[in-house]
Amino acid sequence: MLNERERTRGGRTALRPRLVAAGWDYLVIAAWLTVLAGVFVPLSRAGAGFGGLGALGTDLLITALSVLPLGAYLVIGEAGRRQATWGKRRAGLVVALDGGGGPAWRGSQRAPW
């Protein structure tokens, strides 16, 4: 966990551990986008175009395959039992309320995962 030098006066985490956690989480994001590129670039070069979807359909497909899974990763990680994404766990951080508990899920219940 964090030592006293890594905390500010209000008990909040200092900037450096947060940036380290963000860096680790960006590696997860980059890995997922690399997987998507590894699948869709060869498909596109092979002629399996998605032009039939139109602009709106293409935007919805991109959102469904990139934004939604990555958003779910962040929400599930921070609202779950461990109270942290993979990057926050690597940096020794957790998401906690002022009282020390984790984020609430549907009012006062904890997240089911």
Protein backbone atom coordinates (compact mmCIF):
# COMPACT_ATOMS: atom_id res chain seq x y z
CA MET A 1 0.00 0.00 0.00
CA LEU A 2 0.96 3.65 -0.01
CA ASN A 3 3.34 5.18 2.46
CA GLU A 4 2.72 8.58 4.10
CA ARG A 5 4.77 10.54 1.54
CA GLU A 6 2.45 9.36 -1.24
CA ARG A 7 -0.61 10.92 0.39
CA THR A 8 -1.72 14.53 0.49
CA ARG A 9 -3.14 16.34 3.54
CA GLY A 10 -6.74 15.28 2.94
CA GLY A 11 -5.81 11.60 2.82
CA ARG A 12 -6.12 11.57 -0.96
CA THR A 13 -3.64 9.69 -3.07
CA ALA A 14 -0.82 11.75 -4.56
CA LEU A 15 -0.62 12.31 -8.29
CA ARG A 16 2.29 9.97 -9.08
CA PRO A 17 0.57 6.69 -8.04
CA ARG A 18 -2.52 7.74 -9.99
CA LEU A 19 -0.46 8.38 -13.11
CA VAL A 20 1.27 5.02 -12.72
CA ALA A 21 -2.15 3.32 -12.41
CA ALA A 22 -3.42 5.17 -15.48
CA GLY A 23 -0.35 4.03 -17.41
CA TRP A 24 -0.98 0.38 -16.56
CA ASP A 25 -4.65 0.74 -17.50
CA TYR A 26 -3.68 2.35 -20.81
CA LEU A 27 -1.64 -0.78 -21.54
CA VAL A 28 -4.83 -2.83 -21.15
CA ILE A 29 -6.66 -0.42 -23.47
CA ALA A 30 -3.84 -0.52 -26.03
CA ALA A 31 -3.78 -4.31 -25.91
CA TRP A 32 -7.52 -4.52 -26.60
CA LEU A 33 -7.27 -2.06 -29.50
CA THR A 34 -4.32 -4.05 -30.86
CA VAL A 35 -6.44 -7.22 -30.78
CA LEU A 36 -9.22 -5.44 -32.67
CA ALA A 37 -6.75 -4.13 -35.24
CA GLY A 38 -5.23 -7.61 -35.58
CA VAL A 39 -8.67 -8.97 -36.46
CA PHE A 40 -10.17 -6.20 -38.55
CA VAL A 41 -7.17 -4.97 -40.59
CA PRO A 42 -6.63 -8.38 -42.25
CA LEU A 43 -10.39 -8.70 -42.81
CA SER A 44 -10.46 -5.30 -44.46
CA ARG A 45 -7.45 -6.14 -46.66
CA ALA A 46 -9.10 -9.41 -47.66
CA GLY A 47 -12.07 -7.47 -48.98
CA ALA A 48 -14.52 -8.10 -46.16
CA GLY A 49 -15.57 -4.47 -46.06
CA PHE A 50 -18.16 -3.01 -43.78
CA GLY A 51 -19.32 -0.36 -46.27
CA GLY A 52 -22.80 -1.89 -46.33
CA LEU A 53 -23.34 -0.76 -42.77
CA GLY A 54 -23.21 2.91 -43.66
CA ALA A 55 -21.68 5.62 -41.51
CA LEU A 56 -24.05 5.15 -38.55
CA GLY A 57 -23.72 1.36 -38.59
CA THR A 58 -19.93 1.60 -38.71
CA ASP A 59 -19.91 4.04 -35.80
CA LEU A 60 -22.16 1.73 -33.77
CA LEU A 61 -19.93 -1.27 -34.54
CA ILE A 62 -16.81 0.62 -33.49
CA THR A 63 -18.52 1.74 -30.28
CA ALA A 64 -19.75 -1.77 -29.50
CA LEU A 65 -16.30 -3.29 -29.99
CA SER A 66 -14.13 -0.62 -28.37
CA VAL A 67 -15.85 1.86 -26.08
CA LEU A 68 -18.35 -0.50 -24.42
CA PRO A 69 -15.88 -3.29 -23.50
CA LEU A 70 -13.32 -0.81 -22.18
CA GLY A 71 -15.97 1.07 -20.22
CA ALA A 72 -17.16 -2.23 -18.76
CA TYR A 73 -13.56 -3.08 -17.79
CA LEU A 74 -13.25 0.17 -15.85
CA VAL A 75 -16.68 0.01 -14.17
CA ILE A 76 -16.52 -3.68 -13.25
CA GLY A 77 -12.95 -3.36 -11.99
CA GLU A 78 -13.65 -0.42 -9.71
CA ALA A 79 -17.09 -1.50 -8.49
CA GLY A 80 -16.07 -5.13 -7.97
CA ARG A 81 -14.75 -6.86 -4.88
CA ARG A 82 -11.17 -5.72 -5.44
CA GLN A 83 -12.24 -2.06 -5.83
CA ALA A 84 -9.61 -1.46 -8.51
CA THR A 85 -8.80 -2.01 -12.15
CA TRP A 86 -5.71 -4.03 -13.01
CA GLY A 87 -3.66 -0.84 -13.26
CA LYS A 88 -4.80 0.42 -9.86
CA ARG A 89 -4.01 -2.93 -8.25
CA ARG A 90 -0.50 -2.85 -9.79
CA ALA A 91 -0.02 0.66 -8.36
CA GLY A 92 -1.39 -0.34 -4.94
CA LEU A 93 -4.56 1.76 -5.18
CA VAL A 94 -8.23 1.03 -4.57
CA VAL A 95 -11.38 3.04 -5.19
CA ALA A 96 -12.89 3.86 -1.80
CA LEU A 97 -15.38 6.23 -0.28
CA ASP A 98 -14.43 8.59 2.56
CA GLY A 99 -15.60 5.99 5.08
CA GLY A 100 -13.29 3.37 3.56
CA GLY A 101 -15.95 1.29 1.80
CA GLY A 102 -16.09 0.66 -1.89
CA PRO A 103 -18.37 2.34 -4.42
CA ALA A 104 -22.07 1.59 -4.01
CA TRP A 105 -23.96 -0.45 -6.57
CA ARG A 106 -27.70 0.15 -6.87
CA GLY A 107 -27.93 2.17 -3.72
CA SER A 108 -26.25 0.50 -0.79
CA GLN A 109 -25.62 -2.95 -2.28
CA ARG A 110 -22.15 -3.98 -3.35
CA ALA A 111 -21.48 -4.98 -6.93
CA PRO A 112 -22.33 -8.65 -7.59
CA TRP A 113 -18.90 -9.45 -9.01
